[in-house]
Amino acid sequence: MITGVVVIGRNEGERLKKCFESLGNADGAIVYVDSGSTDGSRELAITMGINLVSLDMSLPFTAARARNAGFTRLCDLASDLRYVQFLDGDCELVDGWLESAARFLDARENIAVACGRLREKFPNQSIYNTLCDIEWNTPVGDAKACGGIAMMRVRAFEHAQGFKEDLIAGEEPELCVRLRAAGWKIWRLDSEMALHDAAITHFGQWWNRTVRGGFAIAQGVYLHGTSPEKYKVLESYSVWFWGLALPSLTVLISLFATPIALLLLLAYPSQVIRLTIISNNSLKNKWLRSTFLVIGKFPEVQGQVKFWWSHISRRKQHLIEYK
């Protein structure tokens, strides 16, 4: 059994060093794909004995393209590769994860992707880091999608032809849609997987990250919305309703009947209360998560507009970055 690791990053500095150090027990090859770093990341990789791939930055960059490039190099280095662990340069793998995930995949030939508990390294640094930690605490068991930190079966990844390199967001769940359509399963293990240093300390960062999420929702509908599961369709409708339709209706009615318009605005705190009631988090996290889920409809609708405008105008959309 050979398990390789692909790390992608750009200007991660000390976080990248900690990422590499967390891979000390990896029994297979490690590839680092650098996307134009200027902070010595490439030199660090070479010094630590990590195989380096430097992307041609004259071509449009996406994380999907970087991961595919790392996977290709990994296969060149290890012909008997069975599993690949994808990892971002701002993450640290938990000791023992590679072995436990590989054992699980060994025992379950129908599973294409295994992921575990991803935790925010500094959840108390900001409410936005806390929100990330809550978001990543997904249900254990059969899942519809994974994030960018996951172990994948090489055979399944190759059969699906990897990530779609032109996607600027949501490339992991999109790959999972294709894997599930081909009969594979995605599984979330009840195991610690990695620490992620999100470093989201400002509202603007959170907003841009959520805009990117909205872009990914619209992109998912465009690519797979007509599939039997109607991928992301209901989620997209929810964003349009809360982020655009209801505010527009409120403004329109306010021109003729201001009291009624103000009553419509009560739908937002009501939605926060409803989401809080059905949440499984602690009381404090329930309110925090629910409040920002509702507020998040506004940047998400901005992201959806960005996608459809770029699609209709046939303009190339650049990355939506928050760091």
Protein backbone atom coordinates (compact mmCIF):
# COMPACT_ATOMS: atom_id res chain seq x y z
CA MET A 1 0.00 0.00 0.00
CA ILE A 2 1.34 3.39 -0.99
CA THR A 3 -0.24 6.64 0.17
CA GLY A 4 1.09 9.85 -1.33
CA VAL A 5 0.45 13.44 -0.29
CA VAL A 6 -0.19 16.53 -2.42
CA VAL A 7 0.18 19.92 -0.71
CA ILE A 8 -0.77 23.13 -2.49
CA GLY A 9 0.08 26.64 -1.36
CA ARG A 10 1.24 30.16 -1.99
CA ASN A 11 3.09 32.39 0.47
CA GLU A 12 2.06 30.37 3.52
CA GLY A 13 5.34 31.07 5.34
CA GLU A 14 5.67 29.42 8.74
CA ARG A 15 2.36 27.65 8.28
CA LEU A 16 3.81 25.73 5.34
CA LYS A 17 6.77 24.60 7.44
CA LYS A 18 4.39 23.26 10.10
CA CYS A 19 2.39 21.57 7.37
CA PHE A 20 5.49 19.76 6.09
CA GLU A 21 6.53 18.82 9.61
CA SER A 22 3.13 17.21 10.22
CA LEU A 23 3.84 14.82 7.34
CA GLY A 24 6.85 13.25 9.03
CA ASN A 25 5.16 9.83 9.24
CA ALA A 26 4.00 9.69 5.63
CA ASP A 27 5.10 6.41 4.07
CA GLY A 28 4.82 7.60 0.48
CA ALA A 29 5.97 10.43 -1.72
CA ILE A 30 5.11 14.05 -0.89
CA VAL A 31 4.61 16.69 -3.58
CA TYR A 32 4.30 20.41 -2.97
CA VAL A 33 2.68 22.50 -5.71
CA ASP A 34 3.62 26.16 -5.44
CA SER A 35 1.60 28.92 -7.09
CA GLY A 36 4.01 31.80 -7.46
CA SER A 37 5.22 32.21 -3.86
CA THR A 38 7.66 35.00 -3.10
CA ASP A 39 8.31 34.13 0.55
CA GLY A 40 10.79 31.29 0.09
CA SER A 41 8.18 28.51 0.11
CA ARG A 42 9.79 26.72 -2.82
CA GLU A 43 13.22 26.85 -1.26
CA LEU A 44 11.74 25.53 1.99
CA ALA A 45 10.21 22.55 0.20
CA ILE A 46 13.51 21.67 -1.44
CA THR A 47 15.41 22.05 1.83
CA MET A 48 12.97 19.69 3.57
CA GLY A 49 13.24 17.09 0.82
CA ILE A 50 9.76 17.68 -0.60
CA ASN A 51 9.20 17.17 -4.32
CA LEU A 52 8.44 20.58 -5.85
CA VAL A 53 6.11 21.51 -8.71
CA SER A 54 6.07 25.19 -9.67
CA LEU A 55 2.95 26.09 -11.61
CA ASP A 56 3.24 28.17 -14.75
CA MET A 57 1.57 31.35 -13.50
CA SER A 58 1.14 32.70 -17.03
CA LEU A 59 -1.86 30.37 -17.15
CA PRO A 60 -5.01 31.00 -15.10
CA PHE A 61 -4.56 29.65 -11.57
CA THR A 62 -7.07 27.50 -9.74
CA ALA A 63 -6.65 25.19 -6.76
CA ALA A 64 -8.10 22.43 -8.95
CA ARG A 65 -5.29 22.88 -11.47
CA ALA A 66 -2.68 22.83 -8.69
CA ARG A 67 -4.06 19.62 -7.18
CA ASN A 68 -4.18 17.90 -10.56
CA ALA A 69 -0.58 18.90 -11.26
CA GLY A 70 0.49 17.51 -7.89
CA PHE A 71 -1.38 14.27 -8.51
CA THR A 72 0.32 13.82 -11.89
CA ARG A 73 3.78 14.28 -10.35
CA LEU A 74 2.88 11.94 -7.51
CA CYS A 75 1.93 9.19 -9.96
CA ASP A 76 5.24 9.67 -11.77
CA LEU A 77 7.07 9.17 -8.47
CA ALA A 78 5.06 6.15 -7.28
CA SER A 79 3.65 3.79 -9.90
CA ASP A 80 1.92 1.63 -7.26
CA LEU A 81 0.10 4.56 -5.65
CA ARG A 82 -3.29 3.60 -4.24
CA TYR A 83 -4.35 6.66 -2.25
CA VAL A 84 -3.60 10.35 -2.33
CA GLN A 85 -4.08 12.76 0.56
CA PHE A 86 -4.79 16.32 -0.59
CA LEU A 87 -3.75 19.04 1.82
CA ASP A 88 -3.52 22.83 1.82
CA GLY A 89 -0.35 24.57 2.94
CA ASP A 90 -2.12 26.24 5.86
CA CYS A 91 -3.09 22.87 7.37
CA GLU A 92 -1.42 20.28 9.58
CA LEU A 93 -2.33 16.61 9.44
CA VAL A 94 -3.14 14.89 12.70
CA ASP A 95 -0.76 12.07 13.58
CA GLY A 96 -2.24 8.71 12.61
CA TRP A 97 -4.78 10.03 10.11
CA LEU A 98 -3.02 8.71 7.01
CA GLU A 99 -2.85 5.20 8.41
CA SER A 100 -6.44 5.08 9.69
CA ALA A 101 -7.92 6.56 6.50
CA ALA A 102 -5.93 4.16 4.31
CA ARG A 103 -7.04 1.18 6.41
CA PHE A 104 -10.64 2.29 6.03
CA LEU A 105 -10.32 2.57 2.26
CA ASP A 106 -8.60 -0.83 2.16
CA ALA A 107 -11.65 -2.36 3.82
CA ARG A 108 -14.28 -0.51 1.78
CA GLU A 109 -13.63 -0.83 -1.94
CA ASN A 110 -16.74 1.19 -2.83
CA ILE A 111 -15.49 4.31 -1.04
CA ALA A 112 -13.71 6.86 -3.24
CA VAL A 113 -13.04 9.56 -0.64
CA ALA A 114 -12.39 9.45 3.10
CA CYS A 115 -12.33 12.61 5.19
CA GLY A 116 -12.32 13.22 8.93
CA ARG A 117 -12.78 16.04 11.42
CA LEU A 118 -11.12 19.22 10.21
CA ARG A 119 -10.64 21.72 13.01
CA GLU A 120 -9.75 25.38 13.05
CA LYS A 121 -6.38 25.77 14.75
CA PHE A 122 -7.25 29.08 16.44
CA PRO A 123 -11.05 29.06 16.83
CA ASN A 124 -11.04 31.77 19.50
CA GLN A 125 -8.97 34.22 17.46
CA SER A 126 -12.11 35.61 15.81
CA ILE A 127 -15.79 34.80 15.39
CA TYR A 128 -15.03 34.02 11.75
CA ASN A 129 -12.53 31.33 12.73
CA THR A 130 -15.17 29.96 15.09
CA LEU A 131 -17.66 29.86 12.23
CA CYS A 132 -15.18 27.88 10.13
CA ASP A 133 -14.73 25.34 12.91
CA ILE A 134 -18.50 24.90 13.19
CA GLU A 135 -18.88 24.63 9.40
CA TRP A 136 -16.29 21.86 9.18
CA ASN A 137 -17.99 19.72 11.83
CA THR A 138 -20.00 17.72 9.29
CA PRO A 139 -22.07 14.59 10.03
CA VAL A 140 -20.22 11.27 10.30
CA GLY A 141 -20.94 8.58 7.72
CA ASP A 142 -22.14 8.61 4.12
CA ALA A 143 -21.65 12.13 2.73
CA LYS A 144 -22.42 13.98 -0.46
CA ALA A 145 -19.17 15.92 -0.61
CA CYS A 146 -15.79 16.58 0.94
CA GLY A 147 -13.58 19.64 1.24
CA GLY A 148 -10.10 20.18 -0.11
CA ILE A 149 -8.55 18.18 2.73
CA ALA A 150 -9.35 14.52 2.05
CA MET A 151 -7.87 11.16 1.07
CA MET A 152 -8.92 9.87 -2.34
CA ARG A 153 -8.65 6.49 -4.01
CA VAL A 154 -6.36 6.86 -7.01
CA ARG A 155 -8.43 4.55 -9.21
CA ALA A 156 -11.60 6.55 -8.57
CA PHE A 157 -9.84 9.90 -9.01
CA GLU A 158 -8.37 8.81 -12.34
CA HIS A 159 -11.70 7.39 -13.51
CA ALA A 160 -13.33 10.77 -12.83
CA GLN A 161 -10.41 12.52 -14.61
CA GLY A 162 -9.60 14.56 -11.54
CA PHE A 163 -10.74 18.05 -10.70
CA LYS A 164 -12.21 20.39 -13.32
CA GLU A 165 -9.36 22.83 -13.69
CA ASP A 166 -11.43 25.80 -14.83
CA LEU A 167 -13.46 25.93 -11.60
CA ILE A 168 -12.42 28.80 -9.34
CA ALA A 169 -14.48 27.51 -6.40
CA GLY A 170 -16.33 24.39 -5.28
CA GLU A 171 -14.10 21.99 -7.20
CA GLU A 172 -14.20 19.34 -4.45
CA PRO A 173 -18.01 18.93 -4.16
CA GLU A 174 -18.24 19.06 -7.97
CA LEU A 175 -15.82 16.13 -8.21
CA CYS A 176 -17.87 14.30 -5.58
CA VAL A 177 -21.02 14.72 -7.69
CA ARG A 178 -19.29 12.94 -10.57
CA LEU A 179 -17.87 10.26 -8.31
CA ARG A 180 -21.26 9.52 -6.76
CA ALA A 181 -22.88 9.43 -10.22
CA ALA A 182 -20.34 6.74 -11.15
CA GLY A 183 -21.36 4.64 -8.13
CA TRP A 184 -18.66 5.65 -5.64
CA LYS A 185 -19.30 6.81 -2.08
CA ILE A 186 -17.88 9.65 -0.01
CA TRP A 187 -17.36 8.92 3.69
CA ARG A 188 -16.77 11.12 6.72
CA LEU A 189 -14.91 9.18 9.42
CA ASP A 190 -15.29 9.85 13.12
CA SER A 191 -11.57 10.62 13.36
CA GLU A 192 -9.41 13.69 13.76
CA MET A 193 -7.93 14.59 10.38
CA ALA A 194 -6.23 18.00 10.34
CA LEU A 195 -5.89 21.48 11.79
CA HIS A 196 -6.60 24.43 9.51
CA ASP A 197 -5.27 27.93 10.15
CA ALA A 198 -8.00 29.91 8.39
CA ALA A 199 -6.72 33.28 9.66
CA ILE A 200 -10.03 35.06 9.00
CA THR A 201 -9.96 38.02 11.36
CA HIS A 202 -11.96 40.67 9.50
CA PHE A 203 -15.54 40.92 8.29
CA GLY A 204 -14.33 41.66 4.77
CA GLN A 205 -12.48 38.34 4.63
CA TRP A 206 -15.57 36.48 5.77
CA TRP A 207 -17.67 38.35 3.19
CA ASN A 208 -15.34 37.48 0.30
CA ARG A 209 -15.16 33.84 1.39
CA THR A 210 -18.96 33.71 1.42
CA VAL A 211 -19.15 35.40 -1.99
CA ARG A 212 -16.97 32.59 -3.27
CA GLY A 213 -19.37 30.10 -1.72
CA GLY A 214 -22.28 31.72 -3.57
CA PHE A 215 -20.32 31.56 -6.80
CA ALA A 216 -19.76 27.83 -6.21
CA ILE A 217 -23.49 27.28 -5.60
CA ALA A 218 -24.45 28.90 -8.91
CA GLN A 219 -21.67 27.04 -10.70
CA GLY A 220 -22.88 23.76 -9.23
CA VAL A 221 -26.43 24.43 -10.45
CA TYR A 222 -25.12 25.22 -13.93
CA LEU A 223 -23.08 22.02 -14.12
CA HIS A 224 -25.34 19.54 -12.32
CA GLY A 225 -28.65 21.25 -11.54
CA THR A 226 -30.54 19.06 -14.03
CA SER A 227 -29.18 15.82 -12.52
CA PRO A 228 -31.62 13.53 -10.66
CA GLU A 229 -30.56 15.02 -7.31
CA LYS A 230 -31.03 18.60 -8.59
CA TYR A 231 -27.62 19.49 -7.21
CA LYS A 232 -27.60 22.81 -5.29
CA VAL A 233 -30.92 23.90 -6.83
CA LEU A 234 -32.81 24.34 -3.54
CA GLU A 235 -29.79 26.01 -1.96
CA SER A 236 -29.61 28.41 -4.89
CA TYR A 237 -33.33 29.25 -4.62
CA SER A 238 -32.86 29.98 -0.91
CA VAL A 239 -30.02 32.40 -1.66
CA TRP A 240 -32.02 34.23 -4.32
CA PHE A 241 -35.04 34.51 -2.02
CA TRP A 242 -33.32 35.73 1.15
CA GLY A 243 -30.52 37.67 -0.54
CA LEU A 244 -32.41 39.42 -3.33
CA ALA A 245 -36.15 38.72 -3.72
CA LEU A 246 -37.25 39.52 -0.16
CA PRO A 247 -35.15 42.72 0.17
CA SER A 248 -36.35 43.91 -3.26
CA LEU A 249 -39.98 43.20 -2.35
CA THR A 250 -39.52 45.04 0.93
CA VAL A 251 -38.17 48.13 -0.81
CA LEU A 252 -40.99 48.03 -3.37
CA ILE A 253 -43.74 47.72 -0.76
CA SER A 254 -42.15 50.44 1.38
CA LEU A 255 -42.95 52.92 -1.39
CA PHE A 256 -46.65 52.41 -0.73
CA ALA A 257 -47.04 50.81 2.72
CA THR A 258 -44.09 51.29 5.03
CA PRO A 259 -45.52 49.39 8.06
CA ILE A 260 -46.09 46.26 5.96
CA ALA A 261 -42.56 46.51 4.58
CA LEU A 262 -41.16 46.64 8.10
CA LEU A 263 -43.15 43.52 8.98
CA LEU A 264 -41.51 41.71 6.07
CA LEU A 265 -38.10 42.43 7.59
CA LEU A 266 -39.11 40.39 10.63
CA ALA A 267 -38.64 37.33 8.44
CA TYR A 268 -34.87 37.60 8.96
CA PRO A 269 -34.77 37.38 12.78
CA SER A 270 -37.51 34.72 12.55
CA GLN A 271 -35.26 32.69 10.28
CA VAL A 272 -32.37 33.09 12.72
CA ILE A 273 -34.56 31.77 15.53
CA ARG A 274 -35.75 28.82 13.41
CA LEU A 275 -32.20 27.83 12.45
CA THR A 276 -31.09 28.16 16.06
CA ILE A 277 -33.83 25.83 17.26
CA ILE A 278 -32.93 23.06 14.78
CA SER A 279 -29.16 23.41 15.25
CA ASN A 280 -27.14 20.75 17.10
CA ASN A 281 -24.40 23.12 18.25
CA SER A 282 -23.87 24.59 21.72
CA LEU A 283 -26.19 27.49 22.58
CA LYS A 284 -23.57 30.16 21.89
CA ASN A 285 -22.55 28.55 18.59
CA LYS A 286 -26.18 28.01 17.62
CA TRP A 287 -26.87 31.75 17.64
CA LEU A 288 -23.59 32.62 15.97
CA ARG A 289 -23.96 30.09 13.18
CA SER A 290 -27.64 30.88 12.56
CA THR A 291 -27.08 34.63 12.47
CA PHE A 292 -24.27 34.42 9.95
CA LEU A 293 -26.12 31.85 7.82
CA VAL A 294 -28.85 34.45 7.36
CA ILE A 295 -26.46 37.38 6.84
CA GLY A 296 -24.49 35.18 4.46
CA LYS A 297 -27.34 35.13 1.95
CA PHE A 298 -26.32 38.64 0.85
CA PRO A 299 -22.69 37.87 -0.13
CA GLU A 300 -23.88 34.53 -1.53
CA VAL A 301 -26.30 36.22 -3.88
CA GLN A 302 -23.44 38.52 -4.91
CA GLY A 303 -21.44 35.40 -5.75
CA GLN A 304 -24.31 33.94 -7.76
CA VAL A 305 -24.65 37.17 -9.72
CA LYS A 306 -20.91 37.11 -10.39
CA PHE A 307 -21.14 33.60 -11.80
CA TRP A 308 -24.12 34.19 -14.06
CA TRP A 309 -22.77 37.52 -15.29
CA SER A 310 -19.41 35.95 -16.18
CA HIS A 311 -21.22 33.05 -17.87
CA ILE A 312 -23.59 35.23 -19.90
CA SER A 313 -20.91 37.77 -20.83
CA ARG A 314 -18.39 34.94 -21.46
CA ARG A 315 -15.84 36.76 -19.35
CA LYS A 316 -13.19 34.81 -17.49
CA GLN A 317 -13.82 35.10 -13.74
CA HIS A 318 -10.75 35.55 -11.58
CA LEU A 319 -10.26 33.92 -8.20
CA ILE A 320 -12.28 35.29 -5.32
CA GLU A 321 -9.66 35.45 -2.59
CA TYR A 322 -10.11 36.29 1.07
CA LYS A 323 -6.51 36.18 2.35
